[in-house]
PDB file of N, CA and C in Angstrom:
ATOM      1  N   MET A   1    -124.464  76.808 -31.452  1.00  0.00           N
ATOM      2  CA  MET A   1    -123.176  77.449 -31.156  1.00  0.00           C
ATOM      3  C   MET A   1    -122.961  77.482 -29.669  1.00  0.00           C
ATOM      4  N   SER A   2    -123.340  76.398 -28.904  1.00  0.00           N
ATOM      5  CA  SER A   2    -123.180  76.347 -27.522  1.00  0.00           C
ATOM      6  C   SER A   2    -121.676  76.310 -27.027  1.00  0.00           C
ATOM      7  N   PHE A   3    -120.826  76.060 -28.012  1.00  0.00           N
ATOM      8  CA  PHE A   3    -119.372  75.973 -27.634  1.00  0.00           C
ATOM      9  C   PHE A   3    -118.641  77.300 -27.724  1.00  0.00           C
ATOM     10  N   LEU A   4    -119.386  78.372 -28.283  1.00  0.00           N
ATOM     11  CA  LEU A   4    -118.770  79.656 -28.425  1.00  0.00           C
ATOM     12  C   LEU A   4    -118.284  80.343 -27.076  1.00  0.00           C
ATOM     13  N   PRO A   5    -119.065  80.270 -25.971  1.00  0.00           N
ATOM     14  CA  PRO A   5    -118.527  80.851 -24.779  1.00  0.00           C
ATOM     15  C   PRO A   5    -117.270  80.152 -24.276  1.00  0.00           C
ATOM     16  N   THR A   6    -117.098  78.912 -24.531  1.00  0.00           N
ATOM     17  CA  THR A   6    -115.932  78.177 -24.073  1.00  0.00           C
ATOM     18  C   THR A   6    -114.663  78.528 -24.980  1.00  0.00           C
ATOM     19  N   VAL A   7    -114.972  78.705 -26.283  1.00  0.00           N
ATOM     20  CA  VAL A   7    -113.892  79.171 -27.179  1.00  0.00           C
ATOM     21  C   VAL A   7    -113.416  80.636 -26.798  1.00  0.00           C
ATOM     22  N   LEU A   8    -114.406  81.447 -26.435  1.00  0.00           N
ATOM     23  CA  LEU A   8    -114.019  82.778 -26.034  1.00  0.00           C
ATOM     24  C   LEU A   8    -113.276  82.746 -24.721  1.00  0.00           C
ATOM     25  N   LEU A   9    -113.585  81.857 -23.815  1.00  0.00           N
ATOM     26  CA  LEU A   9    -112.891  81.751 -22.546  1.00  0.00           C
ATOM     27  C   LEU A   9    -111.450  81.367 -22.865  1.00  0.00           C
ATOM     28  N   ILE A  10    -111.231  80.437 -23.755  1.00  0.00           N
ATOM     29  CA  ILE A  10    -109.843  80.048 -24.093  1.00  0.00           C
ATOM     30  C   ILE A  10    -109.047  81.230 -24.723  1.00  0.00           C
ATOM     31  N   LEU A  11    -109.739  81.900 -25.649  1.00  0.00           N
ATOM     32  CA  LEU A  11    -109.088  83.075 -26.309  1.00  0.00           C
ATOM     33  C   LEU A  11    -108.774  84.239 -25.376  1.00  0.00           C
ATOM     34  N   SER A  12    -109.432  84.307 -24.216  1.00  0.00           N
ATOM     35  CA  SER A  12    -109.319  85.389 -23.321  1.00  0.00           C
ATOM     36  C   SER A  12    -107.852  85.359 -22.697  1.00  0.00           C
ATOM     37  N   LEU A  13    -107.200  84.266 -22.629  1.00  0.00           N
ATOM     38  CA  LEU A  13    -105.868  84.186 -22.035  1.00  0.00           C
ATOM     39  C   LEU A  13    -104.840  84.866 -22.973  1.00  0.00           C
ATOM     40  N   PRO A  14    -104.765  84.564 -24.282  1.00  0.00           N
ATOM     41  CA  PRO A  14    -103.762  85.326 -25.105  1.00  0.00           C
ATOM     42  C   PRO A  14    -104.169  86.769 -25.210  1.00  0.00           C
ATOM     43  N   VAL A  15    -105.418  87.147 -25.224  1.00  0.00           N
ATOM     44  CA  VAL A  15    -105.820  88.515 -25.225  1.00  0.00           C
ATOM     45  C   VAL A  15    -105.396  89.286 -23.968  1.00  0.00           C
ATOM     46  N   GLY A  16    -105.479  88.536 -22.800  1.00  0.00           N
ATOM     47  CA  GLY A  16    -105.023  89.088 -21.558  1.00  0.00           C
ATOM     48  C   GLY A  16    -103.532  89.299 -21.549  1.00  0.00           C
ATOM     49  N   PHE A  17    -102.817  88.355 -22.076  1.00  0.00           N
ATOM     50  CA  PHE A  17    -101.355  88.483 -22.196  1.00  0.00           C
ATOM     51  C   PHE A  17    -100.961  89.698 -23.034  1.00  0.00           C
ATOM     52  N   LEU A  18    -101.594  89.882 -24.204  1.00  0.00           N
ATOM     53  CA  LEU A  18    -101.303  91.021 -25.063  1.00  0.00           C
ATOM     54  C   LEU A  18    -101.658  92.326 -24.281  1.00  0.00           C
ATOM     55  N   GLY A  19    -102.781  92.333 -23.615  1.00  0.00           N
ATOM     56  CA  GLY A  19    -103.152  93.511 -22.855  1.00  0.00           C
ATOM     57  C   GLY A  19    -102.111  93.880 -21.793  1.00  0.00           C
ATOM     58  N   TYR A  20    -101.668  92.859 -21.153  1.00  0.00           N
ATOM     59  CA  TYR A  20    -100.638  93.080 -20.091  1.00  0.00           C
ATOM     60  C   TYR A  20     -99.270  93.619 -20.731  1.00  0.00           C
ATOM     61  N   ALA A  21     -98.971  93.035 -21.838  1.00  0.00           N
ATOM     62  CA  ALA A  21     -97.701  93.513 -22.558  1.00  0.00           C
ATOM     63  C   ALA A  21     -97.883  95.007 -22.986  1.00  0.00           C
ATOM     64  N   LEU A  22     -99.106  95.318 -23.507  1.00  0.00           N
ATOM     65  CA  LEU A  22     -99.428  96.678 -23.903  1.00  0.00           C
ATOM     66  C   LEU A  22     -99.385  97.639 -22.638  1.00  0.00           C
ATOM     67  N   GLY A  23     -99.846  97.186 -21.592  1.00  0.00           N
ATOM     68  CA  GLY A  23     -99.869  97.990 -20.313  1.00  0.00           C
ATOM     69  C   GLY A  23     -98.451  98.181 -19.815  1.00  0.00           C
ATOM     70  N   VAL A  24     -97.571  97.277 -19.922  1.00  0.00           N
ATOM     71  CA  VAL A  24     -96.193  97.396 -19.507  1.00  0.00           C
ATOM     72  C   VAL A  24     -95.585  98.432 -20.406  1.00  0.00           C
ATOM     73  N   GLN A  25     -95.757  98.362 -21.666  1.00  0.00           N
ATOM     74  CA  GLN A  25     -95.172  99.268 -22.669  1.00  0.00           C
ATOM     75  C   GLN A  25     -95.612 100.738 -22.279  1.00  0.00           C
ATOM     76  N   VAL A  26     -96.932 100.920 -22.133  1.00  0.00           N
ATOM     77  CA  VAL A  26     -97.466 102.247 -21.902  1.00  0.00           C
ATOM     78  C   VAL A  26     -96.945 102.779 -20.562  1.00  0.00           C
ATOM     79  N   VAL A  27     -96.961 101.975 -19.472  1.00  0.00           N
ATOM     80  CA  VAL A  27     -96.447 102.440 -18.159  1.00  0.00           C
ATOM     81  C   VAL A  27     -94.935 102.711 -18.193  1.00  0.00           C
ATOM     82  N   SER A  28     -94.233 101.924 -18.801  1.00  0.00           N
ATOM     83  CA  SER A  28     -92.746 102.150 -18.871  1.00  0.00           C
ATOM     84  C   SER A  28     -92.371 103.345 -19.672  1.00  0.00           C
ATOM     85  N   ALA A  29     -93.200 103.790 -20.506  1.00  0.00           N
ATOM     86  CA  ALA A  29     -92.918 105.013 -21.296  1.00  0.00           C
ATOM     87  C   ALA A  29     -93.296 106.297 -20.603  1.00  0.00           C
ATOM     88  N   LEU A  30     -93.988 106.209 -19.444  1.00  0.00           N
ATOM     89  CA  LEU A  30     -94.381 107.369 -18.673  1.00  0.00           C
ATOM     90  C   LEU A  30     -93.192 107.863 -17.814  1.00  0.00           C
ATOM     91  N   PRO A  31     -93.108 109.236 -17.796  1.00  0.00           N
ATOM     92  CA  PRO A  31     -92.016 109.781 -16.960  1.00  0.00           C
ATOM     93  C   PRO A  31     -92.420 109.867 -15.475  1.00  0.00           C
ATOM     94  N   LEU A  32     -92.168 108.794 -14.745  1.00  0.00           N
ATOM     95  CA  LEU A  32     -92.522 108.766 -13.353  1.00  0.00           C
ATOM     96  C   LEU A  32     -91.301 108.521 -12.527  1.00  0.00           C
ATOM     97  N   SER A  33     -91.384 108.842 -11.168  1.00  0.00           N
ATOM     98  CA  SER A  33     -90.272 108.612 -10.248  1.00  0.00           C
ATOM     99  C   SER A  33     -90.162 107.080  -9.974  1.00  0.00           C
ATOM    100  N   GLU A  34     -89.092 106.674  -9.497  1.00  0.00           N
ATOM    101  CA  GLU A  34     -88.774 105.251  -9.327  1.00  0.00           C
ATOM    102  C   GLU A  34     -89.740 104.588  -8.414  1.00  0.00           C
ATOM    103  N   GLU A  35     -90.079 105.170  -7.250  1.00  0.00           N
ATOM    104  CA  GLU A  35     -91.015 104.506  -6.383  1.00  0.00           C
ATOM    105  C   GLU A  35     -92.469 104.536  -6.832  1.00  0.00           C
ATOM    106  N   THR A  36     -92.862 105.507  -7.599  1.00  0.00           N
ATOM    107  CA  THR A  36     -94.158 105.535  -8.185  1.00  0.00           C
ATOM    108  C   THR A  36     -94.269 104.440  -9.344  1.00  0.00           C
ATOM    109  N   ARG A  37     -93.192 104.448 -10.120  1.00  0.00           N
ATOM    110  CA  ARG A  37     -93.154 103.542 -11.244  1.00  0.00           C
ATOM    111  C   ARG A  37     -93.263 102.059 -10.729  1.00  0.00           C
ATOM    112  N   GLY A  38     -92.636 101.732  -9.693  1.00  0.00           N
ATOM    113  CA  GLY A  38     -92.684 100.338  -9.231  1.00  0.00           C
ATOM    114  C   GLY A  38     -94.099  99.911  -8.808  1.00  0.00           C
ATOM    115  N   PHE A  39     -94.857 100.765  -8.246  1.00  0.00           N
ATOM    116  CA  PHE A  39     -96.250 100.507  -7.799  1.00  0.00           C
ATOM    117  C   PHE A  39     -97.171 100.398  -9.059  1.00  0.00           C
ATOM    118  N   ILE A  40     -97.000 101.386 -10.010  1.00  0.00           N
ATOM    119  CA  ILE A  40     -97.893 101.430 -11.169  1.00  0.00           C
ATOM    120  C   ILE A  40     -97.519 100.333 -12.135  1.00  0.00           C
ATOM    121  N   VAL A  41     -96.191  99.948 -12.299  1.00  0.00           N
ATOM    122  CA  VAL A  41     -95.926  98.912 -13.211  1.00  0.00           C
ATOM    123  C   VAL A  41     -96.448  97.540 -12.858  1.00  0.00           C
ATOM    124  N   VAL A  42     -96.735  97.381 -11.501  1.00  0.00           N
ATOM    125  CA  VAL A  42     -97.344  96.088 -11.075  1.00  0.00           C
ATOM    126  C   VAL A  42     -98.819  96.087 -11.259  1.00  0.00           C
ATOM    127  N   PHE A  43     -99.554  97.154 -10.967  1.00  0.00           N
ATOM    128  CA  PHE A  43    -101.026  97.119 -10.960  1.00  0.00           C
ATOM    129  C   PHE A  43    -101.650  97.576 -12.328  1.00  0.00           C
ATOM    130  N   ALA A  44    -101.091  98.588 -12.960  1.00  0.00           N
ATOM    131  CA  ALA A  44    -101.835  99.134 -14.188  1.00  0.00           C
ATOM    132  C   ALA A  44    -101.789  98.103 -15.346  1.00  0.00           C
ATOM    133  N   PRO A  45    -100.788  97.316 -15.599  1.00  0.00           N
ATOM    134  CA  PRO A  45    -100.910  96.346 -16.652  1.00  0.00           C
ATOM    135  C   PRO A  45    -101.906  95.217 -16.302  1.00  0.00           C
ATOM    136  N   LEU A  46    -101.928  94.829 -15.007  1.00  0.00           N
ATOM    137  CA  LEU A  46    -102.955  93.844 -14.650  1.00  0.00           C
ATOM    138  C   LEU A  46    -104.368  94.358 -14.866  1.00  0.00           C
ATOM    139  N   PHE A  47    -104.581  95.635 -14.634  1.00  0.00           N
ATOM    140  CA  PHE A  47    -105.899  96.218 -14.821  1.00  0.00           C
ATOM    141  C   PHE A  47    -106.253  96.328 -16.293  1.00  0.00           C
ATOM    142  N   ILE A  48    -105.292  96.615 -17.107  1.00  0.00           N
ATOM    143  CA  ILE A  48    -105.514  96.754 -18.558  1.00  0.00           C
ATOM    144  C   ILE A  48    -105.716  95.394 -19.106  1.00  0.00           C
ATOM    145  N   ALA A  49    -105.021  94.358 -18.676  1.00  0.00           N
ATOM    146  CA  ALA A  49    -105.206  92.968 -19.079  1.00  0.00           C
ATOM    147  C   ALA A  49    -106.668  92.496 -18.654  1.00  0.00           C
ATOM    148  N   GLY A  50    -107.036  92.867 -17.522  1.00  0.00           N
ATOM    149  CA  GLY A  50    -108.448  92.469 -17.115  1.00  0.00           C
ATOM    150  C   GLY A  50    -109.465  93.087 -17.931  1.00  0.00           C
ATOM    151  N   LEU A  51    -109.256  94.373 -18.267  1.00  0.00           N
ATOM    152  CA  LEU A  51    -110.269  95.084 -19.140  1.00  0.00           C
ATOM    153  C   LEU A  51    -110.310  94.408 -20.549  1.00  0.00           C
ATOM    154  N   CYS A  52    -109.159  94.017 -21.007  1.00  0.00           N
ATOM    155  CA  CYS A  52    -109.080  93.365 -22.346  1.00  0.00           C
ATOM    156  C   CYS A  52    -109.769  91.986 -22.336  1.00  0.00           C
ATOM    157  N   MET A  53    -109.610  91.256 -21.247  1.00  0.00           N
ATOM    158  CA  MET A  53    -110.272  89.841 -21.121  1.00  0.00           C
ATOM    159  C   MET A  53    -111.741  89.893 -20.852  1.00  0.00           C
ATOM    160  N   LEU A  54    -112.298  90.974 -20.289  1.00  0.00           N
ATOM    161  CA  LEU A  54    -113.640  91.033 -19.834  1.00  0.00           C
ATOM    162  C   LEU A  54    -114.634  90.681 -20.874  1.00  0.00           C
ATOM    163  N   PRO A  55    -114.627  91.232 -22.140  1.00  0.00           N
ATOM    164  CA  PRO A  55    -115.536  90.898 -23.161  1.00  0.00           C
ATOM    165  C   PRO A  55    -115.540  89.389 -23.576  1.00  0.00           C
ATOM    166  N   PHE A  56    -114.397  88.797 -23.345  1.00  0.00           N
ATOM    167  CA  PHE A  56    -114.343  87.392 -23.713  1.00  0.00           C
ATOM    168  C   PHE A  56    -114.851  86.475 -22.540  1.00  0.00           C
ATOM    169  N   LEU A  57    -114.821  86.914 -21.289  1.00  0.00           N
ATOM    170  CA  LEU A  57    -115.228  86.105 -20.186  1.00  0.00           C
ATOM    171  C   LEU A  57    -116.744  86.241 -19.970  1.00  0.00           C
ATOM    172  N   ILE A  58    -117.332  87.400 -20.293  1.00  0.00           N
ATOM    173  CA  ILE A  58    -118.770  87.615 -19.954  1.00  0.00           C
ATOM    174  C   ILE A  58    -119.662  86.558 -20.496  1.00  0.00           C
ATOM    175  N   PRO A  59    -119.562  86.032 -21.791  1.00  0.00           N
ATOM    176  CA  PRO A  59    -120.499  85.069 -22.264  1.00  0.00           C
ATOM    177  C   PRO A  59    -120.364  83.710 -21.505  1.00  0.00           C
ATOM    178  N   PHE A  60    -119.156  83.376 -21.024  1.00  0.00           N
ATOM    179  CA  PHE A  60    -118.931  82.098 -20.329  1.00  0.00           C
ATOM    180  C   PHE A  60    -119.675  82.204 -18.959  1.00  0.00           C
ATOM    181  N   PHE A  61    -119.463  83.320 -18.176  1.00  0.00           N
ATOM    182  CA  PHE A  61    -120.088  83.404 -16.941  1.00  0.00           C
ATOM    183  C   PHE A  61    -121.637  83.633 -17.027  1.00  0.00           C
ATOM    184  N   ASP A  62    -122.086  84.268 -18.127  1.00  0.00           N
ATOM    185  CA  ASP A  62    -123.513  84.432 -18.306  1.00  0.00           C
ATOM    186  C   ASP A  62    -124.180  83.058 -18.521  1.00  0.00           C
ATOM    187  N   ARG A  63    -123.552  82.176 -19.236  1.00  0.00           N
ATOM    188  CA  ARG A  63    -124.101  80.866 -19.519  1.00  0.00           C
ATOM    189  C   ARG A  63    -124.155  80.080 -18.228  1.00  0.00           C
ATOM    190  N   MET A  64    -123.141  80.250 -17.304  1.00  0.00           N
ATOM    191  CA  MET A  64    -123.224  79.583 -16.016  1.00  0.00           C
ATOM    192  C   MET A  64    -124.267  80.092 -15.113  1.00  0.00           C
ATOM    193  N   ALA A  65    -124.477  81.416 -15.181  1.00  0.00           N
ATOM    194  CA  ALA A  65    -125.538  82.072 -14.328  1.00  0.00           C
ATOM    195  C   ALA A  65    -126.849  81.636 -14.817  1.00  0.00           C
ATOM    196  N   LYS A  66    -127.149  81.572 -16.118  1.00  0.00           N
ATOM    197  CA  LYS A  66    -128.468  81.158 -16.598  1.00  0.00           C
ATOM    198  C   LYS A  66    -128.674  79.701 -16.199  1.00  0.00           C
ATOM    199  N   ARG A  67    -127.672  78.865 -16.303  1.00  0.00           N
ATOM    200  CA  ARG A  67    -127.836  77.379 -15.866  1.00  0.00           C
ATOM    201  C   ARG A  67    -128.211  77.329 -14.404  1.00  0.00           C
ATOM    202  N   ASP A  68    -127.502  78.046 -13.580  1.00  0.00           N
ATOM    203  CA  ASP A  68    -127.745  78.018 -12.151  1.00  0.00           C
ATOM    204  C   ASP A  68    -129.153  78.602 -11.765  1.00  0.00           C
ATOM    205  N   LEU A  69    -129.517  79.632 -12.450  1.00  0.00           N
ATOM    206  CA  LEU A  69    -130.911  80.267 -12.232  1.00  0.00           C
ATOM    207  C   LEU A  69    -131.967  79.259 -12.643  1.00  0.00           C
ATOM    208  N   ALA A  70    -131.817  78.553 -13.750  1.00  0.00           N
ATOM    209  CA  ALA A  70    -132.779  77.612 -14.210  1.00  0.00           C
ATOM    210  C   ALA A  70    -132.876  76.464 -13.190  1.00  0.00           C
ATOM    211  N   GLN A  71    -131.804  76.023 -12.637  1.00  0.00           N
ATOM    212  CA  GLN A  71    -131.810  74.924 -11.618  1.00  0.00           C
ATOM    213  C   GLN A  71    -132.475  75.466 -10.411  1.00  0.00           C
ATOM    214  N   HIS A  72    -132.246  76.719  -9.980  1.00  0.00           N
ATOM    215  CA  HIS A  72    -132.905  77.228  -8.813  1.00  0.00           C
ATOM    216  C   HIS A  72    -134.421  77.337  -9.029  1.00  0.00           C
ATOM    217  N   ALA A  73    -134.811  77.725 -10.199  1.00  0.00           N
ATOM    218  CA  ALA A  73    -136.235  77.772 -10.488  1.00  0.00           C
ATOM    219  C   ALA A  73    -136.886  76.446 -10.489  1.00  0.00           C
ATOM    220  N   ARG A  74    -136.193  75.419 -10.981  1.00  0.00           N
ATOM    221  CA  ARG A  74    -136.701  74.054 -10.906  1.00  0.00           C
ATOM    222  C   ARG A  74    -136.869  73.538  -9.462  1.00  0.00           C
ATOM    223  N   ASP A  75    -135.780  73.869  -8.611  1.00  0.00           N
ATOM    224  CA  ASP A  75    -135.819  73.459  -7.259  1.00  0.00           C
ATOM    225  C   ASP A  75    -136.977  74.141  -6.476  1.00  0.00           C
ATOM    226  N   THR A  76    -137.126  75.388  -6.810  1.00  0.00           N
ATOM    227  CA  THR A  76    -138.238  76.213  -6.119  1.00  0.00           C
ATOM    228  C   THR A  76    -139.629  75.631  -6.527  1.00  0.00           C
ATOM    229  N   GLU A  77    -139.747  75.377  -7.809  1.00  0.00           N
ATOM    230  CA  GLU A  77    -141.004  74.740  -8.242  1.00  0.00           C
ATOM    231  C   GLU A  77    -141.263  73.370  -7.681  1.00  0.00           C
ATOM    232  N   ALA A  78    -140.247  72.558  -7.568  1.00  0.00           N
ATOM    233  CA  ALA A  78    -140.424  71.327  -6.898  1.00  0.00           C
ATOM    234  C   ALA A  78    -140.886  71.389  -5.466  1.00  0.00           C
ATOM    235  N   ALA A  79    -140.238  72.361  -4.763  1.00  0.00           N
ATOM    236  CA  ALA A  79    -140.615  72.539  -3.399  1.00  0.00           C
ATOM    237  C   ALA A  79    -141.956  73.131  -3.180  1.00  0.00           C
ATOM    238  N   THR A  80    -142.392  73.958  -4.092  1.00  0.00           N
ATOM    239  CA  THR A  80    -143.721  74.552  -4.032  1.00  0.00           C
ATOM    240  C   THR A  80    -144.800  73.451  -4.299  1.00  0.00           C
ATOM    241  N   ASN A  81    -144.536  72.522  -5.207  1.00  0.00           N
ATOM    242  CA  ASN A  81    -145.450  71.482  -5.583  1.00  0.00           C
ATOM    243  C   ASN A  81    -145.418  70.303  -4.608  1.00  0.00           C
ATOM    244  N   GLY A  82    -144.603  70.375  -3.625  1.00  0.00           N
ATOM    245  CA  GLY A  82    -144.534  69.260  -2.603  1.00  0.00           C
ATOM    246  C   GLY A  82    -143.799  68.048  -3.317  1.00  0.00           C
ATOM    247  N   GLY A  83    -142.906  68.277  -4.245  1.00  0.00           N
ATOM    248  CA  GLY A  83    -142.106  67.193  -4.845  1.00  0.00           C
ATOM    249  C   GLY A  83    -142.781  66.619  -6.058  1.00  0.00           C
ATOM    250  N   ARG A  84    -144.029  67.108  -6.450  1.00  0.00           N
ATOM    251  CA  ARG A  84    -144.706  66.475  -7.563  1.00  0.00           C
ATOM    252  C   ARG A  84    -144.200  67.240  -8.837  1.00  0.00           C
ATOM    253  N   ASP A  85    -144.126  66.484  -9.887  1.00  0.00           N
ATOM    254  CA  ASP A  85    -143.678  67.060 -11.180  1.00  0.00           C
ATOM    255  C   ASP A  85    -144.810  67.883 -11.788  1.00  0.00           C
ATOM    256  N   ASP A  86    -146.146  67.367 -11.658  1.00  0.00           N
ATOM    257  CA  ASP A  86    -147.241  68.041 -12.279  1.00  0.00           C
ATOM    258  C   ASP A  86    -148.052  68.647 -11.163  1.00  0.00           C
ATOM    259  N   PRO A  87    -148.158  69.968 -11.251  1.00  0.00           N
ATOM    260  CA  PRO A  87    -148.951  70.681 -10.154  1.00  0.00           C
ATOM    261  C   PRO A  87    -150.472  70.405 -10.113  1.00  0.00           C
ATOM    262  N   ASP A  88    -150.981  69.896 -11.289  1.00  0.00           N
ATOM    263  CA  ASP A  88    -152.392  69.603 -11.314  1.00  0.00           C
ATOM    264  C   ASP A  88    -152.719  68.218 -10.857  1.00  0.00           C
ATOM    265  N   GLU A  89    -151.681  67.419 -10.589  1.00  0.00           N
ATOM    266  CA  GLU A  89    -151.897  66.042 -10.143  1.00  0.00           C
ATOM    267  C   GLU A  89    -152.392  66.030  -8.772  1.00  0.00           C
ATOM    268  N   GLU A  90    -153.398  65.104  -8.536  1.00  0.00           N
ATOM    269  CA  GLU A  90    -153.954  65.003  -7.144  1.00  0.00           C
ATOM    270  C   GLU A  90    -152.990  64.277  -6.294  1.00  0.00           C
ATOM    271  N   PRO A  91    -152.794  64.733  -4.930  1.00  0.00           N
ATOM    272  CA  PRO A  91    -151.928  63.993  -4.116  1.00  0.00           C
ATOM    273  C   PRO A  91    -152.550  62.674  -3.650  1.00  0.00           C
ATOM    274  N   GLY A  92    -151.730  61.699  -3.548  1.00  0.00           N
ATOM    275  CA  GLY A  92    -152.271  60.450  -3.011  1.00  0.00           C
ATOM    276  C   GLY A  92    -151.730  59.279  -3.585  1.00  0.00           C
TER     277      GLY A  92
END
């Protein structure tokens, strides 16, 4: 199931849109002054959309982080061994 994080990444966009729409509905129903409403209507729905998208994005970025950490470990191991693949191998 290595494709699951990619599928979740794609699904995060419609979920974020639905979260944004929900945020707009909630904020527009609040009894606020005009100047306060303008500021909150811009940022609160974006925050809600981001919170809705977060569970879908975490597996994708986790997979990328694991890949990068494994590459760093291989690079560090190669530098420690002087470029040799087998650390028990005699130089020469």
